[in-house]
Protein backbone atom coordinates (compact mmCIF):
# COMPACT_ATOMS: atom_id res chain seq x y z
CA UNK A 1 7.01 89.63 96.63
CA UNK A 2 10.32 89.09 98.01
CA UNK A 3 12.68 91.80 99.64
CA UNK A 4 16.45 91.64 99.47
CA UNK A 5 18.23 91.76 102.74
CA UNK A 6 19.29 95.15 103.77
CA UNK A 7 22.39 93.46 105.40
CA UNK A 8 23.52 92.44 102.07
CA UNK A 9 23.35 95.79 100.56
CA UNK A 10 24.97 97.45 103.49
CA UNK A 11 28.04 94.81 103.34
CA UNK A 12 28.60 95.96 99.76
CA UNK A 13 28.62 99.57 100.72
CA UNK A 14 30.75 98.93 103.68
CA UNK A 15 33.57 97.28 101.49
CA UNK A 16 33.32 100.20 99.02
CA UNK A 17 33.68 102.66 101.99
CA UNK A 18 36.57 100.50 103.20
CA UNK A 19 38.28 100.54 99.85
CA UNK A 20 37.73 104.34 99.53
CA UNK A 21 39.51 104.68 103.09
CA UNK A 22 42.37 102.49 102.14
CA UNK A 23 42.88 104.81 98.92
CA UNK A 24 42.82 107.92 101.04
CA UNK A 25 45.28 106.32 103.43
CA UNK A 26 47.64 105.31 100.39
CA UNK A 27 47.27 108.81 98.78
CA UNK A 28 47.94 110.61 102.11
CA UNK A 29 51.16 108.54 102.37
CA UNK A 30 52.10 109.46 98.77
CA UNK A 31 51.35 113.04 99.55
CA UNK A 32 53.63 112.97 102.74
CA UNK A 33 56.54 110.85 101.25
CA UNK A 34 56.19 111.96 97.58
CA UNK A 35 56.62 108.27 96.52
CA UNK A 36 53.95 106.12 94.87
CA UNK A 37 54.40 103.14 97.40
CA UNK A 38 56.52 102.04 100.20
CA UNK A 39 57.12 98.75 98.63
CA UNK A 40 58.21 97.58 95.02
CA UNK A 41 54.81 95.84 94.38
CA UNK A 42 52.94 99.06 94.61
CA UNK A 43 55.31 101.03 92.17
CA UNK A 44 53.84 100.03 89.00
CA UNK A 45 55.04 98.68 85.87
CA UNK A 46 57.87 101.14 85.43
CA UNK A 47 59.58 100.07 88.77
CA UNK A 48 61.92 97.66 86.75
CA UNK A 49 63.42 100.72 85.04
CA UNK A 50 63.94 102.35 88.55
CA UNK A 51 65.61 99.15 89.83
CA UNK A 52 68.08 99.19 86.84
CA UNK A 53 68.85 102.93 87.27
CA UNK A 54 69.46 102.46 90.81
CA UNK A 55 71.95 99.71 90.19
CA UNK A 56 73.71 101.98 87.65
CA UNK A 57 73.70 104.88 90.23
CA UNK A 58 75.40 102.48 92.78
CA UNK A 59 78.07 101.58 90.13
CA UNK A 60 78.66 105.32 89.50
CA UNK A 61 79.04 105.89 93.15
CA UNK A 62 81.70 103.23 93.34
CA UNK A 63 83.48 104.66 90.32
CA UNK A 64 83.43 108.16 91.77
CA UNK A 65 85.03 106.76 94.98
CA UNK A 66 87.60 105.20 92.82
CA UNK A 67 88.34 108.27 90.84
CA UNK A 68 88.61 110.33 94.02
CA UNK A 69 91.12 107.81 95.57
CA UNK A 70 93.11 107.61 92.43
CA UNK A 71 93.24 111.42 92.14
CA UNK A 72 94.90 111.51 95.63
CA UNK A 73 97.43 109.08 94.62
CA UNK A 74 98.18 111.00 91.32
CA UNK A 75 98.28 114.23 93.12
CA UNK A 76 100.74 112.94 95.56
CA UNK A 77 102.86 111.33 92.70
CA UNK A 78 102.78 114.73 90.90
CA UNK A 79 103.79 116.62 93.95
CA UNK A 80 106.70 114.18 94.37
CA UNK A 81 107.56 114.50 90.77
CA UNK A 82 107.71 118.19 90.89
CA UNK A 83 110.07 118.02 93.76
CA UNK A 84 112.36 115.83 91.70
CA UNK A 85 112.31 118.46 89.02
CA UNK A 86 113.02 121.18 91.51
CA UNK A 87 116.11 118.95 93.03
CA UNK A 88 117.33 118.58 89.36
CA UNK A 89 117.36 122.08 88.71
CA UNK A 90 119.12 123.19 92.03
CA UNK A 91 121.88 120.54 91.44
CA UNK A 92 122.30 121.40 87.79
CA UNK A 93 122.60 125.02 88.61
CA UNK A 94 125.41 124.19 91.03
CA UNK A 95 127.25 121.85 88.81
CA UNK A 96 127.11 124.37 86.03
CA UNK A 97 128.66 127.11 88.26
CA UNK A 98 132.44 127.83 87.74
CA UNK A 99 133.26 127.88 91.51
CA UNK A 100 135.70 125.04 92.31
CA UNK A 101 136.65 125.99 95.80
CA UNK A 102 137.27 122.89 97.86
CA UNK A 103 136.52 122.39 101.51
CA UNK A 104 138.63 120.31 103.88
CA UNK A 105 136.60 117.13 102.69
CA UNK A 106 137.61 117.75 99.06
CA UNK A 107 134.19 118.86 97.85
CA UNK A 108 132.77 122.17 96.41
CA UNK A 109 129.72 123.80 97.91
CA UNK A 110 127.69 122.52 94.93
CA UNK A 111 128.75 118.94 95.71
CA UNK A 112 127.65 119.39 99.45
CA UNK A 113 124.39 120.62 98.13
CA UNK A 114 124.02 117.59 95.89
CA UNK A 115 124.74 115.27 98.78
CA UNK A 116 121.83 116.93 100.89
CA UNK A 117 119.58 116.88 97.82
CA UNK A 118 120.38 113.16 97.36
CA UNK A 119 118.85 112.55 100.66
CA UNK A 120 115.86 114.56 99.81
CA UNK A 121 115.39 112.74 96.65
CA UNK A 122 115.34 109.35 98.33
CA UNK A 123 112.73 110.85 100.69
CA UNK A 124 110.54 111.99 97.76
CA UNK A 125 110.76 108.48 96.23
CA UNK A 126 109.52 106.89 99.35
CA UNK A 127 106.34 108.74 99.29
CA UNK A 128 103.32 106.96 100.61
CA UNK A 129 99.62 107.40 100.04
CA UNK A 130 98.06 105.56 103.00
CA UNK A 131 100.16 102.21 103.17
CA UNK A 132 100.92 102.42 99.47
CA UNK A 133 104.48 103.53 98.30
CA UNK A 134 103.76 105.34 95.05
CA UNK A 135 107.03 104.48 93.28
CA UNK A 136 107.36 100.73 93.93
CA UNK A 137 105.22 99.54 91.05
CA UNK A 138 103.21 96.40 91.92
CA UNK A 139 105.27 96.02 95.11
CA UNK A 140 103.38 98.89 96.62
CA UNK A 141 103.80 97.55 100.22
CA UNK A 142 107.50 97.71 99.80
CA UNK A 143 109.66 100.74 100.39
CA UNK A 144 110.65 101.98 97.02
CA UNK A 145 114.22 102.94 97.56
CA UNK A 146 116.78 101.88 100.30
CA UNK A 147 117.69 104.37 102.87
CA UNK A 148 120.13 107.00 101.70
CA UNK A 149 122.73 106.42 104.23
CA UNK A 150 122.76 102.63 103.29
CA UNK A 151 122.92 103.51 99.39
CA UNK A 152 126.11 105.69 99.72
CA UNK A 153 128.00 104.18 102.73
CA UNK A 154 126.71 100.40 102.41
CA UNK A 155 125.74 98.20 105.31
CA UNK A 156 127.72 95.77 107.40
CA UNK A 157 127.59 93.09 104.91
CA UNK A 158 127.01 94.88 101.56
CA UNK A 159 128.99 97.77 99.88
CA UNK A 160 127.49 101.10 99.09
CA UNK A 161 128.06 103.35 96.11
CA UNK A 162 131.07 105.03 97.79
CA UNK A 163 132.95 101.77 97.77
CA UNK A 164 131.98 100.99 94.18
CA UNK A 165 133.23 104.35 93.17
CA UNK A 166 136.45 103.96 94.95
CA UNK A 167 137.17 100.45 93.46
CA UNK A 168 136.27 101.52 90.00
CA UNK A 169 138.66 104.53 90.22
CA UNK A 170 141.60 102.43 91.41
CA UNK A 171 140.85 100.09 88.52
CA UNK A 172 140.55 102.76 85.88
CA UNK A 173 143.69 104.67 86.98
CA UNK A 174 145.81 101.60 87.28
CA UNK A 175 149.13 101.35 89.58
CA UNK A 176 150.98 103.72 87.42
CA UNK A 177 148.27 106.48 87.59
CA UNK A 178 148.15 106.53 83.71
CA UNK A 179 144.83 105.10 83.08
CA UNK A 180 146.05 101.45 82.37
CA UNK A 181 148.33 102.77 79.64
CA UNK A 182 151.95 101.56 79.44
CA UNK A 183 154.55 103.89 77.87
CA UNK A 184 157.97 103.02 76.64
CA UNK A 185 160.76 104.22 74.34
CA UNK A 186 161.75 101.33 72.30
CA UNK A 187 164.61 103.15 70.55
CA UNK A 188 166.17 106.49 71.18
CA UNK A 189 164.16 107.97 68.44
CA UNK A 190 160.68 106.55 69.16
CA UNK A 191 157.78 106.41 71.61
CA UNK A 192 155.27 103.69 72.19
CA UNK A 193 151.96 103.71 74.18
CA UNK A 194 149.90 100.65 74.66
CA UNK A 195 146.75 99.37 76.76
CA UNK A 196 147.79 97.08 79.57
CA UNK A 197 145.51 94.12 78.84
CA UNK A 198 143.31 93.27 75.82
CA UNK A 199 139.62 93.44 76.40
CA UNK A 200 139.92 94.91 79.85
CA UNK A 201 136.92 97.32 80.78
CA UNK A 202 139.11 99.71 82.64
CA UNK A 203 141.08 102.71 81.79
CA UNK A 204 141.57 104.76 78.73
CA UNK A 205 141.44 103.11 75.30
CA UNK A 206 143.42 104.39 72.39
CA UNK A 207 141.12 105.45 69.64
CA UNK A 208 142.99 107.29 66.92
CA UNK A 209 146.44 108.93 66.55
CA UNK A 210 147.32 111.74 63.84
CA UNK A 211 150.53 113.40 63.22
CA UNK A 212 152.03 116.35 61.01
CA UNK A 213 155.43 115.64 62.63
CA UNK A 214 157.83 116.20 59.54
CA UNK A 215 159.86 113.04 59.05
CA UNK A 216 158.05 110.87 61.81
CA UNK A 217 156.54 107.55 61.35
CA UNK A 218 153.25 106.75 63.09
CA UNK A 219 152.13 103.19 63.49
CA UNK A 220 148.78 102.12 65.01
CA UNK A 221 146.63 102.14 66.86
CA UNK A 222 146.52 98.46 66.26
CA UNK A 223 147.22 95.07 67.78
CA UNK A 224 146.09 93.28 70.91
CA UNK A 225 146.28 94.92 73.25
CA UNK A 226 146.13 98.12 71.26
CA UNK A 227 149.07 100.19 70.85
CA UNK A 228 150.71 103.06 68.94
CA UNK A 229 154.16 104.20 68.21
CA UNK A 230 155.77 107.39 67.00
CA UNK A 231 159.25 107.14 65.58
CA UNK A 232 161.08 110.47 64.63
CA UNK A 233 163.63 108.49 62.80
CA UNK A 234 166.46 110.64 64.06
CA UNK A 235 165.02 113.87 62.71
CA UNK A 236 163.63 117.01 64.29
CA UNK A 237 159.90 118.02 63.35
CA UNK A 238 159.26 121.56 62.29
CA UNK A 239 158.20 124.25 64.81
CA UNK A 240 154.41 123.91 65.13
CA UNK A 241 154.09 120.32 64.00
CA UNK A 242 151.51 118.40 66.01
CA UNK A 243 150.89 114.95 67.35
CA UNK A 244 147.28 114.34 68.31
CA UNK A 245 146.10 111.10 70.33
CA UNK A 246 142.27 110.42 70.99
CA UNK A 247 141.34 108.27 73.90
CA UNK A 248 137.81 106.85 74.77
CA UNK A 249 137.01 106.97 78.50
CA UNK A 250 134.89 104.44 80.31
CA UNK A 251 131.80 106.46 80.15
CA UNK A 252 131.88 106.55 76.49
CA UNK A 253 133.30 110.06 76.11
CA UNK A 254 136.43 110.89 74.03
CA UNK A 255 139.26 113.16 75.01
CA UNK A 256 142.25 114.36 72.93
CA UNK A 257 145.86 115.16 73.74
CA UNK A 258 147.51 117.54 71.04
CA UNK A 259 151.27 118.04 71.51
CA UNK A 260 152.96 120.61 69.53
CA UNK A 261 156.70 120.78 68.58
CA UNK A 262 158.23 124.01 69.79
CA UNK A 263 161.53 125.94 69.75
CA UNK A 264 160.39 128.38 72.19
CA UNK A 265 161.88 128.88 75.56
CA UNK A 266 160.41 128.17 78.08
CA UNK A 267 158.45 125.33 76.33
CA UNK A 268 154.77 126.44 76.33
CA UNK A 269 152.16 124.09 77.90
CA UNK A 270 151.05 121.39 75.37
CA UNK A 271 154.30 121.43 73.67
CA UNK A 272 157.48 119.55 73.56
CA UNK A 273 160.84 120.97 72.99
CA UNK A 274 162.79 120.59 69.69
CA UNK A 275 166.69 120.06 70.46
CA UNK A 276 168.14 121.59 67.41
CA UNK A 277 171.53 120.02 68.25
CA UNK A 278 170.60 116.46 69.28
CA UNK A 279 167.46 114.99 67.70
CA UNK A 280 167.46 112.10 70.01
CA UNK A 281 166.66 114.62 72.83
CA UNK A 282 163.71 115.76 70.96
CA UNK A 283 162.31 112.17 70.94
CA UNK A 284 163.00 112.09 74.83
CA UNK A 285 161.06 115.51 75.30
CA UNK A 286 158.20 113.98 73.17
CA UNK A 287 158.07 111.03 75.51
CA UNK A 288 158.15 113.02 78.58
CA UNK A 289 155.37 115.50 77.33
CA UNK A 290 153.25 112.52 76.20
CA UNK A 291 153.61 111.12 79.81
CA UNK A 292 152.81 114.25 81.46
CA UNK A 293 149.79 114.66 79.11
CA UNK A 294 148.48 111.26 79.64
CA UNK A 295 149.10 111.41 83.40
CA UNK A 296 147.03 114.68 83.59
CA UNK A 297 144.22 113.38 81.35
CA UNK A 298 144.12 110.16 83.52
CA UNK A 299 144.00 112.11 86.75
CA UNK A 300 141.34 114.56 85.62
CA UNK A 301 138.77 113.62 83.00
CA UNK A 302 139.25 109.87 83.41
CA UNK A 303 138.65 110.06 87.17
CA UNK A 304 135.44 112.09 86.48
CA UNK A 305 134.36 109.50 83.75
CA UNK A 306 135.21 106.61 86.14
CA UNK A 307 133.03 108.07 88.77
CA UNK A 308 130.17 108.49 86.16
CA UNK A 309 130.59 104.85 84.97
CA UNK A 310 130.67 103.70 88.72
CA UNK A 311 127.21 105.26 88.94
CA UNK A 312 126.15 103.40 86.00
CA UNK A 313 127.58 99.94 87.36
CA UNK A 314 125.85 100.60 90.76
CA UNK A 315 122.39 102.23 89.77
CA UNK A 316 121.62 100.93 86.21
CA UNK A 317 120.98 97.36 87.15
CA UNK A 318 118.29 94.55 86.70
CA UNK A 319 118.35 90.91 87.06
CA UNK A 320 115.98 89.54 84.42
CA UNK A 321 115.30 89.21 80.63
CA UNK A 322 111.69 90.11 79.59
CA UNK A 323 109.66 89.21 76.45
CA UNK A 324 106.23 89.93 75.67
CA UNK A 325 104.89 86.60 74.20
CA UNK A 326 102.13 85.79 71.47
CA UNK A 327 99.94 82.81 71.03
CA UNK A 328 98.33 81.15 67.91
CA UNK A 329 95.10 82.90 69.23
CA UNK A 330 95.55 86.61 69.10
CA UNK A 331 92.84 87.31 71.72
CA UNK A 332 94.29 84.59 74.22
CA UNK A 333 97.06 85.89 76.63
CA UNK A 334 99.74 83.36 77.22
CA UNK A 335 100.02 81.61 80.64
CA UNK A 336 102.47 79.10 82.05
CA UNK A 337 100.03 76.48 80.59
CA UNK A 338 100.44 77.52 77.02
CA UNK A 339 102.15 74.94 74.87
CA UNK A 340 105.38 75.46 72.97
CA UNK A 341 103.75 74.03 69.92
CA UNK A 342 100.40 73.33 68.53
CA UNK A 343 97.72 73.85 65.72
CA UNK A 344 95.37 76.95 66.04
CA UNK A 345 93.22 77.45 67.85
CA UNK A 346 94.86 75.43 70.59
CA UNK A 347 96.61 77.38 73.37
CA UNK A 348 100.13 77.42 71.97
CA UNK A 349 102.59 79.97 70.68
CA UNK A 350 102.84 80.66 67.11
CA UNK A 351 105.04 79.57 65.43
CA UNK A 352 105.97 76.76 67.75
CA UNK A 353 109.05 74.53 68.28
CA UNK A 354 109.38 71.33 66.25
CA UNK A 355 111.38 68.17 66.89
CA UNK A 356 115.15 68.67 66.44
CA UNK A 357 115.06 72.35 67.41
CA UNK A 358 117.42 73.40 70.23
CA UNK A 359 117.66 75.97 72.87
CA UNK A 360 120.98 76.68 74.41
CA UNK A 361 121.07 78.22 77.93
CA UNK A 362 124.51 79.34 79.28
CA UNK A 363 126.14 76.74 77.13
CA UNK A 364 123.77 73.89 77.92
CA UNK A 365 121.76 72.69 75.08
CA UNK A 366 117.94 71.49 75.43
CA UNK A 367 116.61 69.43 72.42
CA UNK A 368 113.11 69.18 71.31
CA UNK A 369 111.64 65.72 70.67
CA UNK A 370 108.11 64.57 69.76
CA UNK A 371 107.54 62.81 72.91
CA UNK A 372 109.13 60.93 75.92
CA UNK A 373 111.64 63.80 76.76
CA UNK A 374 114.28 62.88 79.31
CA UNK A 375 117.32 64.80 80.61
CA UNK A 376 118.11 67.94 78.71
CA UNK A 377 115.13 67.22 76.39
CA UNK A 378 111.65 68.77 75.96
CA UNK A 379 108.52 67.53 74.27
CA UNK A 380 107.26 69.86 71.44
CA UNK A 381 103.84 69.91 73.36
CA UNK A 382 105.28 70.81 76.70
CA UNK A 383 104.40 74.04 78.36
CA UNK A 384 106.03 77.27 78.80
CA UNK A 385 106.23 76.60 82.46
CA UNK A 386 108.20 73.42 81.79
CA UNK A 387 110.73 75.28 79.58
CA UNK A 388 111.15 77.93 82.20
CA UNK A 389 111.72 75.33 84.78
CA UNK A 390 114.42 73.69 82.64
CA UNK A 391 116.01 77.19 82.18
CA UNK A 392 115.78 77.89 85.96
CA UNK A 393 117.80 74.54 86.73
CA UNK A 394 120.54 75.62 84.35
CA UNK A 395 120.77 79.08 85.50
CA UNK A 396 120.48 78.16 89.19
CA UNK A 397 118.19 81.35 89.89
CA UNK A 398 117.03 81.88 93.40
CA UNK A 399 113.93 83.69 91.99
CA UNK A 400 111.74 81.58 89.58
CA UNK A 401 111.02 82.80 86.25
CA UNK A 402 107.42 83.96 85.76
CA UNK A 403 104.61 84.38 83.27
CA UNK A 404 102.48 87.51 84.02
CA UNK A 405 100.15 89.54 81.94
CA UNK A 406 101.27 87.91 78.51
CA UNK A 407 104.88 88.49 79.45
CA UNK A 408 107.57 86.06 80.22
CA UNK A 409 110.41 87.20 82.74
CA UNK A 410 113.61 85.05 82.87
CA UNK A 411 115.08 85.75 86.25
CA UNK A 412 118.63 85.02 87.06
CA UNK A 413 121.12 85.83 89.90
CA UNK A 414 123.84 86.39 87.43
CA UNK A 415 122.32 88.40 84.52
CA UNK A 416 125.67 89.34 83.21
CA UNK A 417 126.29 85.81 82.10
CA UNK A 418 122.84 85.07 80.71
CA UNK A 419 122.74 83.71 77.31
CA UNK A 420 119.84 82.02 75.58
CA UNK A 421 119.99 81.10 71.97
CA UNK A 422 117.99 78.87 69.65
CA UNK A 423 117.94 77.15 66.20
CA UNK A 424 114.32 78.35 65.78
CA UNK A 425 114.25 82.21 65.92
CA UNK A 426 110.61 82.43 65.10
CA UNK A 427 109.59 80.43 67.89
CA UNK A 428 111.95 82.52 70.26
CA UNK A 429 110.37 85.60 68.91
CA UNK A 430 106.88 84.06 69.63
CA UNK A 431 107.97 83.74 73.18
CA UNK A 432 108.49 87.53 73.23
CA UNK A 433 112.17 87.69 72.69
CA UNK A 434 113.03 89.49 69.58
CA UNK A 435 116.31 88.21 68.66
CA UNK A 436 118.22 84.98 68.25
CA UNK A 437 120.06 85.53 71.68
CA UNK A 438 118.35 86.39 74.88
CA UNK A 439 120.37 88.42 77.35
CA UNK A 440 119.70 90.30 80.61
CA UNK A 441 120.48 93.74 81.68
CA UNK A 442 123.54 93.84 83.89
CA UNK A 443 123.40 93.32 87.63
CA UNK A 444 125.47 95.77 89.90
CA UNK A 445 128.97 95.40 88.75
CA UNK A 446 132.15 95.40 90.93
CA UNK A 447 135.79 95.33 90.18
CA UNK A 448 136.69 91.57 89.78
CA UNK A 449 139.83 91.18 91.70
CA UNK A 450 142.08 92.67 94.20
CA UNK A 451 144.17 94.91 94.11
CA UNK A 452 141.78 96.97 92.03
CA UNK A 453 144.61 98.69 90.21
CA UNK A 454 145.46 95.50 88.24
CA UNK A 455 142.03 93.95 87.95
CA UNK A 456 140.90 93.12 84.46
CA UNK A 457 137.15 92.08 84.94
CA UNK A 458 133.91 93.25 86.20
CA UNK A 459 131.83 90.76 88.16
CA UNK A 460 128.19 90.33 89.44
CA UNK A 461 128.12 92.30 92.58
CA UNK A 462 124.27 91.43 93.65
CA UNK A 463 125.46 89.42 96.65
CA UNK A 464 127.48 91.93 98.29
CA UNK A 465 126.26 95.33 97.01
CA UNK A 466 123.44 97.40 98.36
CA UNK A 467 120.23 97.14 96.04
CA UNK A 468 119.09 100.61 95.93
CA UNK A 469 115.65 100.07 94.23
CA UNK A 470 113.52 97.59 96.19
CA UNK A 471 110.28 97.88 94.46
CA UNK A 472 108.86 95.87 91.51
CA UNK A 473 110.95 95.56 88.40
CA UNK A 474 108.77 93.12 86.41
CA UNK A 475 107.66 93.15 82.78
CA UNK A 476 105.40 95.90 81.33
CA UNK A 477 105.24 99.60 81.57
CA UNK A 478 105.75 101.08 85.12
CA UNK A 479 102.22 103.02 84.56
CA UNK A 480 100.58 99.57 84.17
CA UNK A 481 101.63 98.55 87.66
CA UNK A 482 98.63 100.30 89.11
CA UNK A 483 95.26 100.15 87.15
CA UNK A 484 91.73 101.20 88.12
CA UNK A 485 88.45 100.85 86.58
CA UNK A 486 86.71 104.11 86.37
CA UNK A 487 83.80 103.48 84.28
CA UNK A 488 82.17 100.40 82.68
CA UNK A 489 84.62 100.32 79.81
CA UNK A 490 87.34 102.65 80.95
CA UNK A 491 90.50 102.02 83.06
CA UNK A 492 93.44 104.19 83.88
CA UNK A 493 96.94 103.31 84.58
CA UNK A 494 98.86 105.41 86.96
CA UNK A 495 101.68 103.30 88.39
CA UNK A 496 105.32 104.58 88.81
CA UNK A 497 108.60 102.91 89.62
CA UNK A 498 111.85 104.75 91.05
CA UNK A 499 114.09 102.81 88.64
CA UNK A 500 112.24 104.41 85.46
CA UNK A 501 115.16 105.83 83.42
CA UNK A 502 114.35 109.57 84.10
CA UNK A 503 114.23 108.97 87.68
CA UNK A 504 117.21 106.61 88.00
CA UNK A 505 119.47 108.87 85.76
CA UNK A 506 118.87 111.82 87.98
CA UNK A 507 119.49 109.98 91.16
CA UNK A 508 122.56 108.48 89.82
CA UNK A 509 123.93 111.73 88.69
CA UNK A 510 123.37 113.33 91.99
CA UNK A 511 124.60 110.55 93.90
CA UNK A 512 127.87 110.68 91.70
CA UNK A 513 128.32 114.36 92.18
CA UNK A 514 127.51 114.47 95.98
CA UNK A 515 129.72 111.58 96.79
CA UNK A 516 132.82 112.22 94.74
CA UNK A 517 135.53 113.99 96.76
CA UNK A 518 139.24 114.60 96.07
CA UNK A 519 142.41 115.83 97.93
CA UNK A 520 142.09 119.35 98.35
CA UNK A 521 145.90 119.76 97.88
CA UNK A 522 146.30 117.69 94.65
CA UNK A 523 147.61 119.43 91.63
CA UNK A 524 144.70 117.72 89.76
CA UNK A 525 141.85 118.52 92.10
CA UNK A 526 140.51 121.40 90.07
CA UNK A 527 140.54 119.45 86.92
CA UNK A 528 138.77 116.46 88.41
CA UNK A 529 135.87 118.61 89.72
CA UNK A 530 135.64 120.60 86.61
CA UNK A 531 135.28 117.53 84.51
CA UNK A 532 132.87 115.89 86.68
CA UNK A 533 130.79 118.96 86.94
CA UNK A 534 130.64 119.07 83.11
CA UNK A 535 129.55 115.58 82.98
CA UNK A 536 126.83 115.89 85.70
CA UNK A 537 125.30 119.07 84.09
CA UNK A 538 124.99 117.23 80.77
CA UNK A 539 123.50 114.24 82.59
CA UNK A 540 120.95 116.36 84.23
CA UNK A 541 120.15 118.19 80.85
CA UNK A 542 117.10 116.85 78.96
CA UNK A 543 118.31 114.91 75.91
CA UNK A 544 116.14 114.08 72.82
CA UNK A 545 114.98 110.47 72.89
CA UNK A 546 115.42 110.08 76.62
CA UNK A 547 112.69 109.79 79.00
CA UNK A 548 112.08 112.94 81.19
CA UNK A 549 110.46 113.47 84.59
CA UNK A 550 107.90 115.51 82.68
CA UNK A 551 107.08 112.44 80.51
CA UNK A 552 105.79 110.69 83.61
CA UNK A 553 103.79 113.72 84.67
CA UNK A 554 102.21 113.77 81.18
CA UNK A 555 101.23 110.21 81.58
CA UNK A 556 99.61 110.83 84.89
CA UNK A 557 97.95 113.91 83.55
CA UNK A 558 96.57 111.88 80.78
CA UNK A 559 95.12 109.42 83.42
CA UNK A 560 93.56 112.32 85.26
CA UNK A 561 91.86 113.66 82.02
CA UNK A 562 90.61 110.32 81.28
CA UNK A 563 88.93 110.15 84.88
CA UNK A 564 87.64 113.88 84.45
CA UNK A 565 85.95 112.82 81.20
CA UNK A 566 84.47 109.68 82.78
CA UNK A 567 83.28 111.73 85.84
CA UNK A 568 81.68 114.33 83.50
CA UNK A 569 79.77 111.53 81.71
CA UNK A 570 78.77 109.88 84.95
CA UNK A 571 77.31 113.25 86.21
CA UNK A 572 75.19 113.60 83.22
CA UNK A 573 74.08 109.84 83.39
CA UNK A 574 73.33 110.37 87.23
CA UNK A 575 71.00 113.13 86.36
CA UNK A 576 69.15 111.09 83.60
CA UNK A 577 69.04 107.88 85.78
CA UNK A 578 67.51 109.92 88.75
CA UNK A 579 64.94 111.30 86.50
CA UNK A 580 63.98 107.83 85.30
CA UNK A 581 63.63 106.74 89.05
CA UNK A 582 61.74 109.75 89.93
CA UNK A 583 59.40 109.29 87.04
CA UNK A 584 58.72 105.71 88.02
CA UNK A 585 58.55 106.12 91.83
CA UNK A 586 57.49 109.70 92.53
CA UNK A 587 53.86 110.89 93.16
CA UNK A 588 52.69 114.14 91.74
CA UNK A 589 51.41 116.38 94.57
CA UNK A 590 48.84 118.06 92.44
CA UNK A 591 47.43 114.80 91.15
CA UNK A 592 47.40 113.31 94.53
CA UNK A 593 45.49 116.11 96.07
CA UNK A 594 42.96 115.91 93.28
CA UNK A 595 42.39 112.19 93.78
CA UNK A 596 42.11 112.77 97.55
CA UNK A 597 39.43 115.43 97.05
CA UNK A 598 37.64 113.16 94.65
CA UNK A 599 37.58 110.32 97.06
CA UNK A 600 36.58 112.29 99.92
CA UNK A 601 33.50 113.33 97.81
CA UNK A 602 32.76 109.86 96.97
CA UNK A 603 33.33 108.88 100.54
CA UNK A 604 30.73 111.39 101.71
CA UNK A 605 28.28 110.38 99.26
CA UNK A 606 28.71 106.61 100.36
CA UNK A 607 28.31 107.67 104.01
CA UNK A 608 25.01 109.39 103.21
CA UNK A 609 23.87 106.50 101.32
CA UNK A 610 24.73 104.17 104.13
CA UNK A 611 23.03 106.38 106.55
CA UNK A 612 19.85 106.37 104.67
CA UNK A 613 19.86 102.67 104.30
CA UNK A 614 20.47 102.20 108.12
CA UNK A 615 17.36 104.40 108.83
CA UNK A 616 15.05 102.21 106.25
CA UNK A 617 12.03 100.53 107.84
CA UNK A 618 9.39 97.97 106.36
CA UNK A 619 6.90 100.78 106.64
CA UNK A 620 9.17 103.31 104.67
CA UNK A 621 10.15 100.75 102.19
CA UNK A 622 6.34 99.94 101.51
């Protein structure tokens, strides 16, 4: 009979004891840390879910940081916009007041307030969040608006708004102070009024004439330059008969002069005297009364309208034409490499250009050919970038035209003269320009010659005029100039630009009101300030169809609401993901304690068996 080695049996028992000890150690660690294991291999089959969940939690944390940062920017922008609203209300209240007392500088208290508020508004528009200028669009590292002093007074090399306004006023008034109108008395019984130059942008324009003057003949307005005449035909009108003349002013407003024939002594204001003995004197009186009325209108309402128009010439500017292009593949955004012709699904515009089509840029014609283009020719398969390079060569722009975000921007140093036409309107529309002629918004406009009182043209003032807005003015919505991803499939747009219509119009109106001044001793001073105040008040009043500051705030509020909703979803997702991770990785204290107790009992039993075996002898075995 053979007897198995006790060493063999004890080695098996020792391995079991060591295994139990290791399990006790692992369970003790689980009890202390609350985790199933200190490494991924010990976590079990559900650890894959935990790893994926932890990755999603990391993404949510990044989105939370983004939301926090974007909210900071939006809150600062909203504070700035609210300040602009307060500034607007302050200036509007002042401009609507009836107090017209002028100080030694020829301004009212309300105008002085406006000048101060202009500086405040410029400061608000240059608000920064960190190193980001909030109202510069994509050019967030660039100061949004030039310094207030430079905008109004200019620099050593560039004219400011004050100079532009003074030039415009001189050009609109003319040398005779009658709004570029010429008045004569061709015959003893007639009066004639004409514009000085056909097509001139300056002065008052004769819009309409009506008369109830008995026996009189009214001719016009007609001709080039436009004129009208009133011939009394040697007769006297009746007491109370009227002559009405309507004028259009540079800002698009209309004013009317009404003169009434009168036998009263003294002759009432707004009337002309009927000379019952010498009818020719009645025509002379009409001529004098008309001259006085035109001169007064020119030196009051026209001066105010001129200031407003100068504001538009200076502030309402851009130097590019923008189109949002489309390709033959709706889902493919166009780039500079997109072809000018091709068959879907190629990367080309649709419809494209064909051989024989033409594009005329500022009078220079580019012709499309099938291949082998030379000189002023383009191949039908050439790229949009090739076309833009050709256009840039013709316009001589210092800033190359671009394609960005599916939009084409044609840049030019002389936007006033930009003209692009084509024989293929469909292809031009596919490039994003919705008409058969492409033009650009006006650059800063200046009076075209000196002396200004006899000038007949406006010219591009980009080279010698302060550029008030210095941020991005590219294609697309201002809101799209700052975009942030706040969830896996959610982005928000929160950009802003100081040249948006609502902001620019307010800045422009306040600049006009705060910069304009007159002679305190002028007989027309009160009328000028009154006419200007009315226009500024109207300009600062919200009009239907126009952008308002509140519209920008609404856009930003929508972005915040979108982020709030995303944050709410992410908070819920965080709880769910953490639950998944906990279920996969956490150890139940009760279960671990129960397992430890069970292992301790097993270990004790193993020790007893080992102890008994250790005492076994051959005698005892037998």
